[in-house]
């Protein structure tokens, strides 16, 4: 996978900050390991924003918990941003 594409996905997570890590003072690269280890491997060009959004939500529930992950709908917006890169 192209390095620029991965950087853009990291930027999407940094900008959306789905679990408020950046807003609460975490380093700007806080989502990078999560993106590299869990998000990149699950990307599938066949997914629509709902399928990908559910996958993203599942990763965040697994890595944090349901309360921290929050509403699954915000992950559809993240998915939509990722799919626009393709």
Protein backbone atom coordinates (compact mmCIF):
# COMPACT_ATOMS: atom_id res chain seq x y z
CA UNK A 1 0.00 0.00 0.00
CA UNK A 2 1.29 3.43 -0.94
CA UNK A 3 2.85 5.48 1.89
CA UNK A 4 0.96 8.62 0.92
CA UNK A 5 -2.36 6.72 1.09
CA UNK A 6 -1.52 5.47 4.59
CA UNK A 7 -0.54 8.99 5.67
CA UNK A 8 -3.86 10.32 4.36
CA UNK A 9 -5.75 7.68 6.34
CA UNK A 10 -3.79 8.61 9.47
CA UNK A 11 -4.69 12.25 8.83
CA UNK A 12 -8.37 11.33 8.55
CA UNK A 13 -8.30 9.69 11.97
CA UNK A 14 -6.35 12.58 13.44
CA UNK A 15 -8.89 15.08 12.05
CA UNK A 16 -11.99 13.10 13.05
CA UNK A 17 -10.44 12.13 16.43
CA UNK A 18 -13.22 9.58 17.07
CA UNK A 19 -12.39 8.92 20.73
CA UNK A 20 -11.10 12.44 21.55
CA UNK A 21 -7.49 11.42 22.05
CA UNK A 22 -6.03 14.46 20.31
CA UNK A 23 -8.51 16.89 21.87
CA UNK A 24 -7.59 15.63 25.33
CA UNK A 25 -3.86 16.15 24.84
CA UNK A 26 -2.56 12.94 23.27
CA UNK A 27 0.22 13.28 20.70
CA UNK A 28 -0.85 13.92 17.11
CA UNK A 29 0.35 10.47 16.06
CA UNK A 30 -1.70 8.63 18.70
CA UNK A 31 -3.93 6.92 16.11
CA UNK A 32 -1.03 5.89 13.84
CA UNK A 33 -0.32 2.46 15.40
CA UNK A 34 -4.04 1.65 15.41
CA UNK A 35 -4.32 2.62 11.75
CA UNK A 36 -1.25 0.60 10.76
CA UNK A 37 -2.07 -2.53 12.76
CA UNK A 38 -5.86 -2.75 12.53
CA UNK A 39 -7.35 -0.33 9.99
CA UNK A 40 -5.10 -0.77 6.95
CA UNK A 41 -5.45 -4.59 6.92
CA UNK A 42 -9.25 -4.44 6.90
CA UNK A 43 -9.63 -1.98 4.04
CA UNK A 44 -11.50 -3.48 1.10
CA UNK A 45 -12.34 -1.49 -2.01
CA UNK A 46 -15.60 -3.43 -2.27
CA UNK A 47 -16.94 -1.99 1.00
CA UNK A 48 -19.40 0.88 1.06
CA UNK A 49 -19.33 3.48 3.83
CA UNK A 50 -21.67 1.44 6.02
CA UNK A 51 -19.69 -1.79 5.77
CA UNK A 52 -16.39 -0.03 6.35
CA UNK A 53 -17.91 2.13 9.09
CA UNK A 54 -19.05 -0.99 10.96
CA UNK A 55 -15.58 -2.50 10.64
CA UNK A 56 -13.99 0.69 11.99
CA UNK A 57 -16.48 0.81 14.85
CA UNK A 58 -15.72 -2.82 15.75
CA UNK A 59 -11.99 -2.07 15.88
CA UNK A 60 -12.56 0.86 18.25
CA UNK A 61 -14.92 -1.14 20.47
CA UNK A 62 -12.35 -3.95 20.61
CA UNK A 63 -9.44 -1.60 21.33
CA UNK A 64 -11.19 0.73 23.77
CA UNK A 65 -14.75 -0.27 24.66
CA UNK A 66 -18.27 0.54 23.52
CA UNK A 67 -18.64 3.59 25.77
CA UNK A 68 -15.37 5.13 24.63
CA UNK A 69 -15.94 4.22 20.96
CA UNK A 70 -19.25 6.07 21.10
CA UNK A 71 -21.91 6.22 18.42
CA UNK A 72 -21.24 3.95 15.45
CA UNK A 73 -22.57 6.60 13.05
CA UNK A 74 -19.44 8.74 13.38
CA UNK A 75 -17.44 5.87 11.90
CA UNK A 76 -19.54 6.08 8.71
CA UNK A 77 -18.23 9.62 8.22
CA UNK A 78 -14.67 8.39 8.70
CA UNK A 79 -15.32 5.55 6.26
CA UNK A 80 -16.73 7.98 3.73
CA UNK A 81 -13.56 10.10 3.99
CA UNK A 82 -11.37 7.03 3.49
CA UNK A 83 -13.39 5.82 0.51
CA UNK A 84 -13.01 9.22 -1.17
CA UNK A 85 -9.26 8.60 -1.29
CA UNK A 86 -9.69 5.62 -3.64
